[in-house]
Protein backbone atom coordinates (compact mmCIF):
# COMPACT_ATOMS: atom_id res chain seq x y z
CA MET A 1 28.16 59.21 121.88
CA THR A 2 28.13 56.91 118.88
CA ARG A 3 31.24 54.88 118.23
CA GLU A 4 32.94 55.47 114.90
CA SER A 5 32.25 51.90 113.78
CA GLN A 6 28.52 52.32 114.49
CA TYR A 7 28.43 55.60 112.59
CA GLN A 8 30.33 54.02 109.70
CA ALA A 9 27.87 51.11 109.45
CA LYS A 10 24.90 53.51 109.29
CA LEU A 11 26.68 55.65 106.73
CA LYS A 12 27.41 52.66 104.49
CA LYS A 13 23.69 51.81 104.40
CA LYS A 14 22.82 55.43 103.63
CA LEU A 15 25.34 55.57 100.78
CA ILE A 16 23.99 52.38 99.21
CA ALA A 17 20.45 53.80 99.41
CA MET A 18 21.54 57.14 97.89
CA PHE A 19 23.51 55.56 95.07
CA PRO A 20 21.70 52.40 93.92
CA GLY A 21 24.13 49.75 92.73
CA ALA A 22 27.12 51.46 94.37
CA ILE A 23 29.98 49.45 95.78
CA VAL A 24 30.93 50.71 99.24
CA MET A 25 34.11 49.12 100.55
CA LYS A 26 35.75 49.31 103.96
CA ASN A 27 39.46 49.93 103.45
CA ASP A 28 42.15 48.07 105.41
CA PRO A 29 43.92 50.65 107.60
CA THR A 30 46.93 48.36 108.00
CA TYR A 31 47.56 48.17 104.23
CA ILE A 32 48.24 51.88 103.65
CA GLN A 33 48.66 54.02 106.77
CA GLY A 34 46.19 56.90 106.70
CA ILE A 35 44.03 55.64 103.83
CA PRO A 36 40.42 56.79 104.39
CA ASP A 37 37.86 54.37 105.82
CA LEU A 38 35.53 53.95 102.86
CA THR A 39 35.77 53.80 99.08
CA VAL A 40 32.56 54.45 97.16
CA LEU A 41 32.33 53.36 93.51
CA TRP A 42 29.35 54.46 91.45
CA ASN A 43 28.73 54.97 87.73
CA GLY A 44 32.37 55.55 86.82
CA LYS A 45 32.99 57.89 89.78
CA TRP A 46 34.65 57.23 93.11
CA ALA A 47 35.12 58.80 96.52
CA LEU A 48 37.23 58.28 99.61
CA LEU A 49 35.51 59.07 102.91
CA GLU A 50 37.17 59.22 106.31
CA CYS A 51 34.54 58.66 109.01
CA LYS A 52 34.83 60.43 112.34
CA ARG A 53 32.42 60.12 115.26
CA GLU A 54 32.58 63.90 115.80
CA SER A 55 34.07 66.90 114.02
CA GLU A 56 36.82 67.34 116.63
CA ALA A 57 37.98 63.70 116.53
CA HIS A 58 41.72 63.11 116.17
CA LYS A 59 43.09 62.67 112.64
CA GLN A 60 45.71 60.00 112.08
CA PRO A 61 48.94 60.81 110.23
CA ASN A 62 48.49 60.94 106.44
CA GLN A 63 44.67 61.08 106.53
CA GLN A 64 44.61 64.70 105.38
CA TYR A 65 47.11 63.85 102.63
CA TYR A 66 44.88 61.11 101.19
CA ILE A 67 41.70 63.21 101.47
CA ASP A 68 43.41 66.09 99.65
CA LYS A 69 44.74 63.73 96.98
CA ALA A 70 41.28 62.19 96.47
CA LYS A 71 39.77 65.70 96.17
CA ARG A 72 42.16 66.47 93.32
CA MET A 73 41.39 63.18 91.58
CA CYS A 74 37.63 62.77 92.14
CA PHE A 75 36.15 63.21 95.64
CA GLY A 76 37.44 62.98 99.19
CA ALA A 77 36.13 64.20 102.52
CA PHE A 78 36.14 63.77 106.26
CA ILE A 79 32.56 62.94 107.26
CA CYS A 80 30.93 63.01 110.70
CA PRO A 81 27.38 63.47 111.98
CA GLU A 82 27.88 67.26 112.16
CA ASN A 83 28.80 67.67 108.47
CA GLU A 84 27.15 64.58 106.99
CA GLU A 85 24.34 66.41 105.20
CA GLU A 86 26.77 68.83 103.54
CA VAL A 87 29.27 66.12 102.53
CA LEU A 88 26.56 63.87 101.10
CA HIS A 89 25.13 66.81 99.15
CA ASP A 90 28.60 67.56 97.76
CA LEU A 91 29.07 63.88 96.91
CA GLN A 92 25.76 63.82 95.01
CA GLN A 93 26.92 66.87 93.05
CA ALA A 94 30.30 65.25 92.29
CA PHE A 95 28.63 62.00 91.21
CA GLY A 96 26.02 63.82 89.13
CA ALA A 97 23.22 62.11 91.05
């Protein structure tokens, strides 16, 4: 099984390839408890992505809150290998890519 950090590193590379010129930042989990792992900035749009190594992985307190808030504002999602294709497709649609 892939560790979350390994999955996250691969995902960051994939996001940069999908959205040329994007800024993909790793968020500090100690700054705001529950803030999603990654912020993606691209062409005036943004997304918050919470990486999980599998769909059934435990969610920390407040993670769902921040994903839901990001969805209302621009884009937010939990992403894991099982739903990656769907989430990245939805992100492309949201970003107009």
